Amino acid sequence: MAPALSRPTPRFALSHSARKPEIARSPRRYERLRVCAVAEFVGKAAGIRSEALLIHKFTAHTSSLAAALVLRDTEDSKQVVTSSLDKSLALWQQAGGDDLGTGGFVEAARLTPPGGPIFSLALDTREQDGLPNQVFVGNHAKQVAVWVPPAAQLDSNVVLDDHCGWVRSLAIAQGRWLFSCACNTLRQWDMSRAVPRCTATVSLDKGDILALVARKDRIYAANADGSIRAWSIGKKGELQEVACRKKAHGERVTAIALKGGLLYSVSYDGGLKAWDADSLEIVVDRSSAHGGERVHCLATGPDGLLYTGGDDKLVRRWEPTLLQPAAPPLLCHNHSVRSLAAGGHELLVSGDKGGEVAVWKV
């Protein structure tokens, strides 16, 4: 008679602080997602994930970071743009040759344009057309302007006015449509013109719009009243509201991001949530993502992980399917983490309330 087989000892266990997040029950459309998510999480947890490497930490500004953007992230070139409440806008580039770990980053340009501070940045990639990439900047003066780094000043020929307040967020869809938000108003701009033209304006009944994210056929808005809304983008750019999740969070929604078929959101209520990007039905709810502290920023990394930054001074890493901690938090900041930006190859940038910036290789 064959001996009985004993159950193998588990190779890992979840601590009390990493308890399972609440996952939406039914409908059936989420069953396959949950099965795939469990398989992915178990497979990665049993393996060895490469550790993030802090390349350079430096004082970039004299006040809190307002926004960050990875302008270039290739094997031979790294560039980062940052803006701050000190009203300055700066370009940082890799130093020390091709080896990212040897030279860190140096300042390549700095300007203090009128109308600052700059609260939002969006990259318009034009290299395929033989033109330099440009950055749309949204400012305190209720305008959107254009910067072609490393120019010493903004492009005076492009100024998008008519906003009702600070331009808090920008997003680009299809390489043609620029979206901007100020107060409770969303504006759409046609970028096919030398000077983008406003083609649509949507005003919410209440709640300022704080963050935008776009995919090819949809634009999403995160709002101060805790809601999240989505509009479809038609073939000719026409907008139609297709989903609204009121009380998505208990407090203001500070950032949103897209990955695959999921929309992610973070909030002052401390939560991190995943939503079906089409219906805005809840998929995973991770409360107290930063130990009960406010969460300010969110980014999808080039390594496939989700990154969040909060008042606990940490950058936390999450598996994007079940929102389980993927690895220990990144610790280097002495102040609340206010801005995150990711490149397409290996860069992650985090900025804090004290004006310091950390560049990570992930």
Protein backbone atom coordinates (compact mmCIF):
# COMPACT_ATOMS: atom_id res chain seq x y z
CA MET A 1 0.00 0.00 0.00
CA ALA A 2 1.43 3.35 -1.05
CA PRO A 3 2.16 5.76 1.81
CA ALA A 4 -0.12 8.77 2.19
CA LEU A 5 1.17 11.99 0.72
CA SER A 6 1.50 14.90 3.13
CA ARG A 7 0.34 18.38 2.16
CA PRO A 8 3.33 20.53 1.10
CA THR A 9 4.30 23.40 3.36
CA PRO A 10 3.19 26.77 1.92
CA ARG A 11 6.06 28.79 0.51
CA PHE A 12 4.65 32.11 1.63
CA ALA A 13 1.96 33.54 3.87
CA LEU A 14 0.11 36.82 4.01
CA SER A 15 0.66 38.83 7.17
CA HIS A 16 -2.18 40.48 9.02
CA SER A 17 -1.16 43.85 7.54
CA ALA A 18 -1.41 42.40 4.03
CA ARG A 19 -4.89 40.93 4.42
CA LYS A 20 -6.85 40.16 1.28
CA PRO A 21 -8.68 43.11 -0.24
CA GLU A 22 -12.40 43.04 -0.79
CA ILE A 23 -13.20 41.63 -4.24
CA ALA A 24 -16.52 42.20 -5.96
CA ARG A 25 -18.85 39.16 -5.85
CA SER A 26 -20.43 38.05 -9.13
CA PRO A 27 -21.29 38.91 -11.85
CA ARG A 28 -19.88 36.10 -13.95
CA ARG A 29 -17.83 38.43 -16.13
CA TYR A 30 -15.29 38.72 -13.27
CA GLU A 31 -14.85 34.96 -12.64
CA ARG A 32 -12.18 34.52 -15.30
CA LEU A 33 -10.43 37.70 -14.15
CA ARG A 34 -10.23 36.42 -10.57
CA VAL A 35 -8.91 32.98 -11.63
CA CYS A 36 -6.21 34.56 -13.80
CA ALA A 37 -5.39 37.03 -11.05
CA VAL A 38 -4.87 34.28 -8.46
CA ALA A 39 -2.65 32.32 -10.84
CA GLU A 40 -0.58 35.39 -11.64
CA PHE A 41 -0.20 36.40 -7.98
CA VAL A 42 0.76 32.89 -6.80
CA GLY A 43 3.22 32.47 -9.64
CA LYS A 44 4.96 35.76 -8.96
CA ALA A 45 4.91 35.36 -5.18
CA ALA A 46 6.65 32.00 -5.48
CA GLY A 47 9.34 33.46 -7.72
CA ILE A 48 11.89 36.17 -7.16
CA ARG A 49 11.05 39.69 -8.28
CA SER A 50 13.93 41.95 -9.19
CA GLU A 51 14.35 44.74 -6.64
CA ALA A 52 13.89 48.38 -7.57
CA LEU A 53 17.16 50.30 -7.62
CA LEU A 54 17.36 53.91 -6.43
CA ILE A 55 19.45 55.63 -9.11
CA HIS A 56 19.48 59.19 -7.82
CA LYS A 57 17.77 61.31 -5.19
CA PHE A 58 18.16 65.06 -5.39
CA THR A 59 16.55 68.36 -4.41
CA ALA A 60 14.76 69.49 -7.56
CA HIS A 61 12.67 72.38 -6.19
CA THR A 62 12.31 74.57 -3.12
CA SER A 63 8.67 73.59 -2.59
CA SER A 64 6.36 70.63 -3.14
CA LEU A 65 6.33 68.76 -6.43
CA ALA A 66 3.17 69.49 -8.41
CA ALA A 67 3.72 67.17 -11.39
CA ALA A 68 6.28 64.90 -13.00
CA LEU A 69 6.66 63.41 -16.47
CA VAL A 70 9.11 60.95 -18.04
CA LEU A 71 9.99 62.65 -21.32
CA ARG A 72 12.33 59.95 -22.59
CA ASP A 73 13.16 56.44 -21.36
CA THR A 74 15.31 54.54 -23.84
CA GLU A 75 18.51 52.52 -23.50
CA ASP A 76 20.69 55.52 -24.33
CA SER A 77 18.61 58.50 -23.18
CA LYS A 78 16.68 59.37 -20.03
CA GLN A 79 14.87 62.69 -19.48
CA VAL A 80 12.44 63.78 -16.78
CA VAL A 81 10.33 66.94 -16.45
CA THR A 82 9.19 68.24 -13.05
CA SER A 83 7.08 71.18 -11.89
CA SER A 84 6.60 72.60 -8.43
CA LEU A 85 4.62 74.97 -6.25
CA ASP A 86 7.76 77.14 -6.34
CA LYS A 87 6.54 78.06 -9.88
CA SER A 88 9.54 76.53 -11.67
CA LEU A 89 9.61 73.97 -14.46
CA ALA A 90 12.74 71.83 -14.89
CA LEU A 91 14.25 69.29 -17.27
CA TRP A 92 16.59 66.60 -15.91
CA GLN A 93 18.67 64.27 -18.04
CA GLN A 94 20.81 61.22 -17.50
CA ALA A 95 24.50 61.86 -16.92
CA GLY A 96 27.44 59.47 -17.07
CA GLY A 97 26.87 57.75 -20.40
CA ASP A 98 24.71 54.72 -21.11
CA ASP A 99 25.00 53.14 -17.66
CA LEU A 100 21.99 54.40 -15.70
CA GLY A 101 23.59 53.57 -12.38
CA THR A 102 26.80 55.58 -12.75
CA GLY A 103 26.03 59.24 -13.31
CA GLY A 104 22.58 60.04 -11.95
CA PHE A 105 20.63 63.00 -13.34
CA VAL A 106 21.67 66.60 -13.95
CA GLU A 107 19.64 69.73 -14.61
CA ALA A 108 19.39 70.46 -18.34
CA ALA A 109 16.94 73.38 -18.25
CA ARG A 110 14.98 75.44 -15.75
CA LEU A 111 12.47 78.19 -16.29
CA THR A 112 9.90 80.10 -14.28
CA PRO A 113 7.16 80.83 -16.81
CA PRO A 114 4.42 83.36 -16.14
CA GLY A 115 1.17 82.02 -14.76
CA GLY A 116 2.75 79.46 -12.45
CA PRO A 117 2.67 77.20 -10.61
CA ILE A 118 2.23 74.48 -13.23
CA PHE A 119 -0.07 71.76 -11.90
CA SER A 120 -0.26 69.36 -14.86
CA LEU A 121 1.90 67.95 -17.66
CA ALA A 122 1.06 65.90 -20.78
CA LEU A 123 3.46 64.56 -23.40
CA ASP A 124 2.67 65.05 -27.09
CA THR A 125 4.92 62.62 -28.99
CA ARG A 126 5.67 64.03 -32.46
CA GLU A 127 8.92 62.27 -33.36
CA GLN A 128 7.11 60.07 -35.89
CA ASP A 129 6.32 63.27 -37.79
CA GLY A 130 9.90 64.47 -37.69
CA LEU A 131 9.12 67.07 -35.00
CA PRO A 132 10.47 67.38 -31.45
CA ASN A 133 8.25 66.15 -28.66
CA GLN A 134 6.38 68.86 -26.80
CA VAL A 135 4.85 69.08 -23.35
CA PHE A 136 1.47 70.66 -22.63
CA VAL A 137 1.48 72.43 -19.26
CA GLY A 138 -1.58 73.47 -17.24
CA ASN A 139 -1.11 76.36 -14.85
CA HIS A 140 -2.49 78.53 -12.07
CA ALA A 141 -3.39 81.30 -14.56
CA LYS A 142 -6.22 79.20 -16.06
CA GLN A 143 -4.25 78.40 -19.21
CA VAL A 144 -2.67 75.53 -21.09
CA ALA A 145 0.67 76.34 -22.73
CA VAL A 146 3.32 74.39 -24.64
CA TRP A 147 6.97 73.75 -23.87
CA VAL A 148 9.45 72.17 -26.28
CA PRO A 149 12.32 71.11 -23.96
CA PRO A 150 15.00 72.34 -23.48
CA ALA A 151 13.80 75.74 -24.75
CA ALA A 152 14.39 78.65 -22.39
CA GLN A 153 10.73 79.69 -22.51
CA LEU A 154 7.28 78.40 -23.39
CA ASP A 155 5.94 78.65 -26.94
CA SER A 156 4.24 82.06 -27.04
CA ASN A 157 2.21 81.04 -30.08
CA VAL A 158 0.18 78.40 -28.22
CA VAL A 159 -1.91 79.53 -25.25
CA LEU A 160 -5.24 77.81 -24.58
CA ASP A 161 -7.43 80.13 -22.53
CA ASP A 162 -11.07 80.12 -21.36
CA HIS A 163 -10.56 77.87 -18.36
CA CYS A 164 -12.55 78.79 -15.26
CA GLY A 165 -9.81 77.94 -12.75
CA TRP A 166 -6.48 76.19 -12.20
CA VAL A 167 -5.78 73.55 -14.86
CA ARG A 168 -5.30 70.57 -12.57
CA SER A 169 -4.92 67.74 -15.09
CA LEU A 170 -4.30 67.01 -18.78
CA ALA A 171 -4.73 63.89 -20.92
CA ILE A 172 -4.26 63.01 -24.60
CA ALA A 173 -6.30 60.48 -26.62
CA GLN A 174 -5.62 59.12 -30.12
CA GLY A 175 -2.76 61.56 -30.54
CA ARG A 176 -5.35 64.12 -31.61
CA TRP A 177 -7.53 65.10 -28.68
CA LEU A 178 -6.20 67.04 -25.70
CA PHE A 179 -8.37 67.15 -22.58
CA SER A 180 -8.00 69.70 -19.80
CA CYS A 181 -9.92 70.26 -16.59
CA ALA A 182 -10.47 73.28 -14.35
CA CYS A 183 -13.00 73.56 -11.53
CA ASN A 184 -16.00 71.44 -12.58
CA THR A 185 -15.37 71.75 -16.32
CA LEU A 186 -13.83 69.36 -18.85
CA ARG A 187 -12.58 70.81 -22.16
CA GLN A 188 -11.64 68.99 -25.36
CA TRP A 189 -9.11 70.44 -27.85
CA ASP A 190 -8.39 69.43 -31.46
CA MET A 191 -4.61 69.03 -31.72
CA SER A 192 -4.64 68.61 -35.51
CA ARG A 193 -4.34 72.39 -35.76
CA ALA A 194 -1.17 74.37 -35.13
CA VAL A 195 -3.00 76.01 -32.25
CA PRO A 196 -5.45 73.48 -30.75
CA ARG A 197 -9.10 74.54 -30.96
CA CYS A 198 -11.70 73.86 -28.26
CA THR A 199 -14.34 71.53 -29.69
CA ALA A 200 -16.37 70.56 -26.62
CA THR A 201 -17.00 71.62 -23.03
CA VAL A 202 -18.66 69.50 -20.34
CA SER A 203 -19.65 70.98 -16.96
CA LEU A 204 -20.51 68.84 -13.94
CA ASP A 205 -23.32 69.78 -11.58
CA LYS A 206 -20.92 69.73 -8.64
CA GLY A 207 -17.46 68.59 -7.69
CA ASP A 208 -14.21 69.90 -9.17
CA ILE A 209 -12.37 67.61 -11.58
CA LEU A 210 -8.97 66.73 -10.10
CA ALA A 211 -7.52 64.10 -12.44
CA LEU A 212 -7.92 62.81 -16.00
CA VAL A 213 -6.78 59.71 -17.85
CA ALA A 214 -7.60 58.68 -21.42
CA ARG A 215 -7.51 55.68 -23.68
CA LYS A 216 -8.23 55.59 -27.41
CA ASP A 217 -12.01 55.65 -27.12
CA ARG A 218 -12.69 57.03 -23.64
CA ILE A 219 -11.83 59.85 -21.22
CA TYR A 220 -12.16 59.42 -17.45
CA ALA A 221 -12.43 62.10 -14.75
CA ALA A 222 -11.81 61.82 -11.00
CA ASN A 223 -13.62 64.35 -8.88
CA ALA A 224 -13.45 66.15 -5.55
CA ASP A 225 -16.86 64.80 -4.52
CA GLY A 226 -15.52 61.22 -4.63
CA SER A 227 -17.07 60.30 -7.97
CA ILE A 228 -15.57 58.93 -11.19
CA ARG A 229 -17.08 59.59 -14.61
CA ALA A 230 -16.40 58.34 -18.14
CA TRP A 231 -17.22 59.67 -21.60
CA SER A 232 -16.88 57.83 -24.90
CA ILE A 233 -14.92 59.53 -27.70
CA GLY A 234 -16.61 59.10 -31.08
CA LYS A 235 -14.92 58.78 -34.45
CA LYS A 236 -15.22 62.52 -34.96
CA GLY A 237 -14.36 63.30 -31.35
CA GLU A 238 -17.92 63.64 -30.08
CA LEU A 239 -18.29 63.04 -26.33
CA GLN A 240 -21.04 61.09 -24.60
CA GLU A 241 -21.17 60.22 -20.91
CA VAL A 242 -21.33 56.43 -20.63
CA ALA A 243 -20.64 55.69 -16.97
CA CYS A 244 -20.73 57.42 -13.61
CA ARG A 245 -19.78 55.99 -10.24
CA LYS A 246 -20.98 58.34 -7.53
CA LYS A 247 -19.34 57.93 -4.13
CA ALA A 248 -16.57 55.82 -5.66
CA HIS A 249 -14.53 57.01 -2.68
CA GLY A 250 -15.45 58.58 0.63
CA GLU A 251 -13.28 61.64 -0.06
CA ARG A 252 -11.73 63.36 -3.08
CA VAL A 253 -10.25 61.12 -5.75
CA THR A 254 -6.68 62.31 -6.23
CA ALA A 255 -5.44 60.18 -9.14
CA ILE A 256 -6.57 57.58 -11.69
CA ALA A 257 -4.70 55.27 -14.07
CA LEU A 258 -5.49 52.66 -16.71
CA LYS A 259 -4.00 49.22 -17.27
CA GLY A 260 -5.63 46.65 -19.51
CA GLY A 261 -9.34 46.50 -18.81
CA LEU A 262 -9.10 48.08 -15.38
CA LEU A 263 -9.23 51.65 -14.11
CA TYR A 264 -7.44 52.32 -10.82
CA SER A 265 -8.18 55.13 -8.37
CA VAL A 266 -6.71 56.49 -5.12
CA SER A 267 -8.15 58.95 -2.67
CA TYR A 268 -7.81 61.03 0.47
CA ASP A 269 -9.86 58.26 2.13
CA GLY A 270 -6.72 56.09 1.95
CA GLY A 271 -8.19 53.60 -0.49
CA LEU A 272 -6.88 52.02 -3.68
CA LYS A 273 -9.57 50.56 -5.95
CA ALA A 274 -9.80 48.74 -9.27
CA TRP A 275 -12.83 49.25 -11.53
CA ASP A 276 -14.03 47.64 -14.72
CA ALA A 277 -12.97 50.28 -17.25
CA ASP A 278 -16.14 49.89 -19.31
CA SER A 279 -18.86 49.78 -16.67
CA LEU A 280 -17.09 51.35 -13.65
CA GLU A 281 -18.24 48.38 -11.57
CA ILE A 282 -15.97 47.73 -8.60
CA VAL A 283 -13.57 44.80 -9.02
CA VAL A 284 -11.15 45.10 -6.08
CA ASP A 285 -11.28 47.40 -3.04
CA ARG A 286 -8.07 47.86 -1.07
CA SER A 287 -8.82 50.04 1.94
CA SER A 288 -6.05 51.61 4.02
CA ALA A 289 -3.55 51.15 1.19
CA HIS A 290 -1.07 53.41 3.02
CA GLY A 291 -1.90 52.49 6.58
CA GLY A 292 -4.88 54.84 6.74
CA GLU A 293 -2.95 57.86 5.42
CA ARG A 294 -4.01 59.90 2.41
CA VAL A 295 -2.94 58.62 -1.02
CA HIS A 296 -1.93 61.35 -3.47
CA CYS A 297 -0.59 59.72 -6.62
CA LEU A 298 -0.68 56.64 -8.79
CA ALA A 299 1.27 55.24 -11.75
CA THR A 300 1.53 52.02 -13.77
CA GLY A 301 5.18 51.01 -13.92
CA PRO A 302 7.14 49.61 -16.88
CA ASP A 303 7.58 46.41 -14.85
CA GLY A 304 3.82 45.78 -14.85
CA LEU A 305 3.26 46.79 -11.24
CA LEU A 306 1.04 49.51 -9.84
CA TYR A 307 2.72 52.24 -7.76
CA THR A 308 1.10 54.57 -5.22
CA GLY A 309 2.46 57.40 -3.07
CA GLY A 310 1.00 58.84 0.11
CA ASP A 311 1.36 60.74 3.36
CA ASP A 312 3.24 57.83 4.94
CA LYS A 313 6.27 58.94 2.83
CA LEU A 314 6.32 55.59 1.01
CA VAL A 315 5.99 54.45 -2.58
CA ARG A 316 4.06 51.20 -2.42
CA ARG A 317 4.03 48.45 -5.07
CA TRP A 318 0.98 46.39 -5.95
CA GLU A 319 0.08 43.45 -8.15
CA PRO A 320 -2.44 45.05 -10.53
CA THR A 321 -4.95 42.19 -10.53
CA LEU A 322 -5.68 41.53 -6.84
CA LEU A 323 -4.06 44.69 -5.44
CA GLN A 324 -1.90 42.62 -3.12
CA PRO A 325 1.48 44.07 -2.06
CA ALA A 326 3.95 42.92 -4.70
CA ALA A 327 7.13 43.80 -2.83
CA PRO A 328 8.28 45.90 0.14
CA PRO A 329 7.57 49.65 -0.17
CA LEU A 330 10.22 51.98 -1.59
CA LEU A 331 11.55 54.13 1.23
CA CYS A 332 13.72 57.19 0.60
CA HIS A 333 11.48 60.23 1.02
CA ASN A 334 11.36 62.41 4.13
CA HIS A 335 8.03 64.00 3.19
CA SER A 336 4.65 63.02 1.78
CA VAL A 337 4.94 61.58 -1.75
CA ARG A 338 2.96 63.88 -4.04
CA SER A 339 3.86 62.87 -7.60
CA LEU A 340 4.67 59.69 -9.54
CA ALA A 341 5.59 59.22 -13.21
CA ALA A 342 6.66 56.12 -15.15
CA GLY A 343 8.58 55.62 -18.36
CA GLY A 344 8.07 52.96 -20.97
CA HIS A 345 11.31 51.06 -20.39
CA GLU A 346 12.64 51.07 -16.81
CA LEU A 347 12.19 54.44 -15.08
CA LEU A 348 9.96 55.40 -12.17
CA VAL A 349 10.07 58.93 -10.74
CA SER A 350 8.70 59.96 -7.34
CA GLY A 351 8.53 63.49 -5.95
CA ASP A 352 7.63 64.73 -2.49
CA LYS A 353 6.23 67.69 -0.59
CA GLY A 354 9.73 68.92 0.28
CA GLY A 355 10.79 69.30 -3.37
CA GLU A 356 12.97 66.20 -3.56
CA VAL A 357 12.86 63.80 -6.51
CA ALA A 358 13.90 60.13 -6.58
CA VAL A 359 14.62 58.27 -9.81
CA TRP A 360 14.24 54.49 -9.66
CA LYS A 361 15.16 51.68 -12.03
CA VAL A 362 12.33 49.15 -11.88
